[in-house]
């Protein structure tokens, strides 16, 4: 799965809010919908997109579905950003070396 799909999934503010609520730990759709300006079915649709993007996992507990962050999906995004960080650090190092020369 590509990181582009992950970023597209997080581009929607409500979806990002659902994703951020999962930082507190696993939760059901009902818990995630609390305080959001959308219905529970809408939250379910947002969770489906996040799941398809590899950012959220789900499992059943009785009749409820419990959602949690997918750490592997988060690792892929972190790896993407780390490449930029490495480039920025290399550029900073070169600028310091040029200043000393």
N, C-alpha and C. Protein backbone atom coordinates (compact mmCIF):
# COMPACT_ATOMS: atom_id res chain seq x y z
N UNK A 1 0.85 -1.18 0.00
CA UNK A 1 0.00 0.00 0.00
C UNK A 1 0.89 1.24 0.00
N UNK A 2 0.51 2.22 -0.76
CA UNK A 2 1.36 3.39 -0.89
C UNK A 2 1.00 4.46 0.13
N UNK A 3 1.97 5.29 0.41
CA UNK A 3 1.75 6.37 1.36
C UNK A 3 0.80 7.42 0.80
N UNK A 4 0.69 7.52 -0.55
CA UNK A 4 -0.23 8.51 -1.13
C UNK A 4 -1.66 8.26 -0.68
N UNK A 5 -2.06 6.99 -0.65
CA UNK A 5 -3.41 6.65 -0.23
C UNK A 5 -3.63 7.04 1.23
N UNK A 6 -2.61 6.90 2.05
CA UNK A 6 -2.71 7.28 3.45
C UNK A 6 -2.92 8.78 3.60
N UNK A 7 -2.15 9.56 2.85
CA UNK A 7 -2.29 11.02 2.92
C UNK A 7 -3.65 11.47 2.39
N UNK A 8 -4.12 10.84 1.32
CA UNK A 8 -5.44 11.17 0.79
C UNK A 8 -6.52 10.88 1.83
N UNK A 9 -6.38 9.77 2.54
CA UNK A 9 -7.37 9.41 3.56
C UNK A 9 -7.40 10.45 4.67
N UNK A 10 -6.26 10.99 5.02
CA UNK A 10 -6.18 11.97 6.11
C UNK A 10 -6.45 13.40 5.66
N UNK A 11 -6.70 13.61 4.38
CA UNK A 11 -6.93 14.96 3.87
C UNK A 11 -8.29 15.51 4.28
N UNK A 12 -9.22 14.65 4.64
CA UNK A 12 -10.57 15.08 5.02
C UNK A 12 -10.58 15.38 6.52
N UNK A 13 -10.95 16.60 6.92
CA UNK A 13 -10.89 16.99 8.34
C UNK A 13 -11.64 16.06 9.29
N UNK A 14 -12.84 15.64 8.94
CA UNK A 14 -13.59 14.75 9.83
C UNK A 14 -12.89 13.41 9.96
N UNK A 15 -12.38 12.90 8.87
CA UNK A 15 -11.67 11.63 8.91
C UNK A 15 -10.41 11.75 9.76
N UNK A 16 -9.73 12.87 9.64
CA UNK A 16 -8.54 13.11 10.45
C UNK A 16 -8.91 13.18 11.93
N UNK A 17 -10.07 13.77 12.24
CA UNK A 17 -10.53 13.85 13.63
C UNK A 17 -10.80 12.45 14.18
N UNK A 18 -11.41 11.59 13.39
CA UNK A 18 -11.65 10.21 13.81
C UNK A 18 -10.32 9.51 14.06
N UNK A 19 -9.39 9.68 13.14
CA UNK A 19 -8.06 9.08 13.26
C UNK A 19 -7.36 9.56 14.54
N UNK A 20 -7.45 10.85 14.80
CA UNK A 20 -6.79 11.42 15.98
C UNK A 20 -7.43 10.93 17.28
N UNK A 21 -8.74 10.68 17.26
CA UNK A 21 -9.40 10.15 18.45
C UNK A 21 -8.85 8.76 18.80
N UNK A 22 -8.41 8.02 17.81
CA UNK A 22 -7.88 6.68 18.05
C UNK A 22 -6.51 6.71 18.73
N UNK A 23 -5.89 7.86 18.83
CA UNK A 23 -4.62 7.95 19.58
C UNK A 23 -4.84 7.58 21.03
N UNK A 24 -6.02 7.82 21.55
CA UNK A 24 -6.33 7.51 22.95
C UNK A 24 -6.49 6.02 23.17
N UNK A 25 -6.62 5.26 22.10
CA UNK A 25 -6.77 3.82 22.22
C UNK A 25 -7.94 3.30 21.40
N UNK A 26 -8.09 1.98 21.36
CA UNK A 26 -9.16 1.37 20.58
C UNK A 26 -10.54 1.88 21.02
N UNK A 27 -11.45 1.97 20.04
CA UNK A 27 -12.79 2.50 20.34
C UNK A 27 -13.80 1.99 19.32
N UNK A 28 -15.05 1.99 19.74
CA UNK A 28 -16.15 1.62 18.85
C UNK A 28 -16.58 2.84 18.03
N UNK A 29 -17.40 2.58 17.03
CA UNK A 29 -17.92 3.68 16.20
C UNK A 29 -18.69 4.68 17.06
N UNK A 30 -19.49 4.18 17.99
CA UNK A 30 -20.27 5.07 18.84
C UNK A 30 -19.40 6.01 19.64
N UNK A 31 -18.34 5.49 20.21
CA UNK A 31 -17.42 6.33 20.99
C UNK A 31 -16.73 7.34 20.07
N UNK A 32 -16.31 6.88 18.91
CA UNK A 32 -15.62 7.78 17.98
C UNK A 32 -16.54 8.88 17.45
N UNK A 33 -17.83 8.57 17.32
CA UNK A 33 -18.78 9.55 16.79
C UNK A 33 -19.13 10.64 17.79
N UNK A 34 -18.90 10.38 19.09
CA UNK A 34 -19.24 11.37 20.11
C UNK A 34 -18.49 12.69 19.87
N UNK A 35 -19.24 13.76 19.82
CA UNK A 35 -18.65 15.08 19.66
C UNK A 35 -18.33 15.47 18.23
N UNK A 36 -18.57 14.58 17.30
CA UNK A 36 -18.32 14.92 15.89
C UNK A 36 -19.61 15.40 15.24
N UNK A 37 -19.50 16.28 14.25
CA UNK A 37 -20.70 16.83 13.61
C UNK A 37 -21.26 15.94 12.51
N UNK A 38 -21.02 14.62 12.61
CA UNK A 38 -21.52 13.68 11.60
C UNK A 38 -22.17 12.49 12.31
N UNK A 39 -22.94 11.74 11.57
CA UNK A 39 -23.65 10.60 12.13
C UNK A 39 -22.73 9.40 12.32
N UNK A 40 -23.21 8.42 13.08
CA UNK A 40 -22.45 7.19 13.26
C UNK A 40 -22.20 6.48 11.93
N UNK A 41 -23.22 6.40 11.03
CA UNK A 41 -22.94 5.77 9.73
C UNK A 41 -21.84 6.51 8.95
N UNK A 42 -21.81 7.84 9.08
CA UNK A 42 -20.76 8.61 8.39
C UNK A 42 -19.40 8.27 8.99
N UNK A 43 -19.32 8.14 10.31
CA UNK A 43 -18.07 7.76 10.96
C UNK A 43 -17.64 6.37 10.48
N UNK A 44 -18.60 5.47 10.34
CA UNK A 44 -18.28 4.13 9.82
C UNK A 44 -17.67 4.21 8.43
N UNK A 45 -18.21 5.08 7.60
CA UNK A 45 -17.66 5.24 6.24
C UNK A 45 -16.24 5.81 6.30
N UNK A 46 -16.01 6.76 7.17
CA UNK A 46 -14.67 7.32 7.33
C UNK A 46 -13.69 6.25 7.81
N UNK A 47 -14.16 5.41 8.73
CA UNK A 47 -13.30 4.32 9.22
C UNK A 47 -12.98 3.32 8.12
N UNK A 48 -13.93 3.08 7.23
CA UNK A 48 -13.67 2.18 6.10
C UNK A 48 -12.55 2.73 5.22
N UNK A 49 -12.59 4.02 4.96
CA UNK A 49 -11.54 4.65 4.14
C UNK A 49 -10.19 4.54 4.85
N UNK A 50 -10.17 4.82 6.15
CA UNK A 50 -8.93 4.72 6.92
C UNK A 50 -8.42 3.28 6.95
N UNK A 51 -9.33 2.34 7.06
CA UNK A 51 -8.94 0.92 7.05
C UNK A 51 -8.38 0.53 5.68
N UNK A 52 -9.06 0.94 4.61
CA UNK A 52 -8.59 0.63 3.25
C UNK A 52 -7.23 1.26 2.96
N UNK A 53 -6.95 2.38 3.62
CA UNK A 53 -5.66 3.07 3.44
C UNK A 53 -4.56 2.44 4.30
N UNK A 54 -4.92 1.49 5.14
CA UNK A 54 -3.92 0.85 5.99
C UNK A 54 -3.56 1.64 7.23
N UNK A 55 -4.47 2.49 7.68
CA UNK A 55 -4.20 3.31 8.86
C UNK A 55 -4.94 2.84 10.11
N UNK A 56 -5.96 2.01 9.91
CA UNK A 56 -6.81 1.56 11.01
C UNK A 56 -7.07 0.06 10.85
N UNK A 57 -7.10 -0.63 11.98
CA UNK A 57 -7.47 -2.04 12.02
C UNK A 57 -8.77 -2.17 12.79
N UNK A 58 -9.52 -3.24 12.55
CA UNK A 58 -10.74 -3.48 13.29
C UNK A 58 -10.82 -4.93 13.73
N UNK A 59 -11.52 -5.15 14.83
CA UNK A 59 -11.85 -6.51 15.26
C UNK A 59 -13.21 -6.47 15.94
N UNK A 60 -13.82 -7.62 16.02
CA UNK A 60 -15.15 -7.70 16.63
C UNK A 60 -15.05 -8.07 18.11
N UNK A 61 -15.89 -7.43 18.88
CA UNK A 61 -16.11 -7.79 20.29
C UNK A 61 -17.61 -7.93 20.43
N UNK A 62 -18.09 -9.15 20.34
CA UNK A 62 -19.54 -9.37 20.34
C UNK A 62 -20.14 -8.78 19.08
N UNK A 63 -21.10 -7.87 19.24
CA UNK A 63 -21.73 -7.25 18.08
C UNK A 63 -21.04 -5.96 17.66
N UNK A 64 -20.09 -5.50 18.47
CA UNK A 64 -19.39 -4.24 18.17
C UNK A 64 -18.13 -4.49 17.37
N UNK A 65 -17.79 -3.51 16.56
CA UNK A 65 -16.49 -3.48 15.90
C UNK A 65 -15.64 -2.46 16.64
N UNK A 66 -14.46 -2.88 16.98
CA UNK A 66 -13.53 -2.01 17.70
C UNK A 66 -12.40 -1.65 16.74
N UNK A 67 -12.09 -0.37 16.69
CA UNK A 67 -11.07 0.14 15.77
C UNK A 67 -9.85 0.61 16.55
N UNK A 68 -8.70 0.45 15.93
CA UNK A 68 -7.45 0.94 16.52
C UNK A 68 -6.51 1.35 15.40
N UNK A 69 -5.52 2.15 15.75
CA UNK A 69 -4.53 2.58 14.77
C UNK A 69 -3.70 1.38 14.31
N UNK A 70 -3.35 1.38 13.03
CA UNK A 70 -2.49 0.35 12.47
C UNK A 70 -1.05 0.87 12.52
N UNK A 71 -0.27 0.34 13.44
CA UNK A 71 1.09 0.85 13.63
C UNK A 71 1.97 0.63 12.40
N UNK A 72 1.69 -0.40 11.63
CA UNK A 72 2.47 -0.63 10.40
C UNK A 72 2.20 0.49 9.39
N UNK A 73 0.94 0.89 9.28
CA UNK A 73 0.60 1.99 8.37
C UNK A 73 1.23 3.30 8.81
N UNK A 74 1.27 3.52 10.12
CA UNK A 74 1.92 4.71 10.64
C UNK A 74 3.42 4.67 10.39
N UNK A 75 4.02 3.49 10.50
CA UNK A 75 5.45 3.34 10.25
C UNK A 75 5.77 3.72 8.80
N UNK A 76 4.93 3.31 7.87
CA UNK A 76 5.15 3.65 6.46
C UNK A 76 5.14 5.16 6.26
N UNK A 77 4.23 5.86 6.92
CA UNK A 77 4.20 7.32 6.81
C UNK A 77 5.44 7.93 7.44
N UNK A 78 5.84 7.40 8.58
CA UNK A 78 7.04 7.90 9.26
C UNK A 78 8.27 7.72 8.38
N UNK A 79 8.39 6.55 7.74
CA UNK A 79 9.51 6.30 6.82
C UNK A 79 9.54 7.33 5.70
N UNK A 80 8.37 7.67 5.19
CA UNK A 80 8.27 8.67 4.13
C UNK A 80 8.84 10.01 4.61
N UNK A 81 8.40 10.45 5.79
CA UNK A 81 8.88 11.73 6.32
C UNK A 81 10.34 11.68 6.73
N UNK A 82 10.80 10.54 7.19
CA UNK A 82 12.21 10.41 7.56
C UNK A 82 13.13 10.66 6.37
N UNK A 83 12.71 10.29 5.18
CA UNK A 83 13.52 10.56 3.99
C UNK A 83 13.73 12.06 3.81
N UNK A 84 12.71 12.85 4.07
CA UNK A 84 12.84 14.30 3.98
C UNK A 84 13.75 14.83 5.07
N UNK A 85 13.63 14.29 6.26
CA UNK A 85 14.45 14.72 7.38
C UNK A 85 15.91 14.45 7.08
N UNK A 86 16.22 13.27 6.55
CA UNK A 86 17.60 12.93 6.19
C UNK A 86 18.15 13.91 5.16
N UNK A 87 17.34 14.26 4.18
CA UNK A 87 17.76 15.22 3.15
C UNK A 87 18.02 16.59 3.77
N UNK A 88 17.14 17.01 4.66
CA UNK A 88 17.30 18.32 5.32
C UNK A 88 18.57 18.34 6.17
N UNK A 89 18.83 17.26 6.90
CA UNK A 89 20.04 17.20 7.73
C UNK A 89 21.30 17.21 6.87
N UNK A 90 21.28 16.50 5.76
CA UNK A 90 22.43 16.50 4.85
C UNK A 90 22.69 17.90 4.30
N UNK A 91 21.62 18.59 3.93
CA UNK A 91 21.77 19.95 3.40
C UNK A 91 22.33 20.89 4.47
N UNK A 92 21.86 20.73 5.70
CA UNK A 92 22.36 21.54 6.81
C UNK A 92 23.84 21.26 7.05
N UNK A 93 24.23 20.02 7.02
CA UNK A 93 25.63 19.64 7.21
C UNK A 93 26.50 20.27 6.12
N UNK A 94 26.05 20.19 4.88
CA UNK A 94 26.81 20.78 3.76
C UNK A 94 26.95 22.28 3.93
N UNK A 95 25.88 22.94 4.40
CA UNK A 95 25.95 24.39 4.57
C UNK A 95 26.95 24.77 5.66
N UNK A 96 26.98 23.97 6.73
CA UNK A 96 27.97 24.23 7.80
C UNK A 96 29.40 24.00 7.31
N UNK A 97 29.58 22.93 6.55
CA UNK A 97 30.91 22.63 6.03
C UNK A 97 31.36 23.71 5.05
N UNK A 98 30.43 24.24 4.25
CA UNK A 98 30.79 25.30 3.31
C UNK A 98 31.13 26.58 4.06
N UNK A 99 30.46 26.83 5.15
CA UNK A 99 30.70 28.03 5.96
C UNK A 99 32.10 27.94 6.60
N UNK A 100 32.49 26.74 7.03
CA UNK A 100 33.81 26.54 7.66
C UNK A 100 34.96 26.57 6.66
N UNK A 101 34.66 26.31 5.40
CA UNK A 101 35.72 26.24 4.38
C UNK A 101 36.22 27.60 3.95
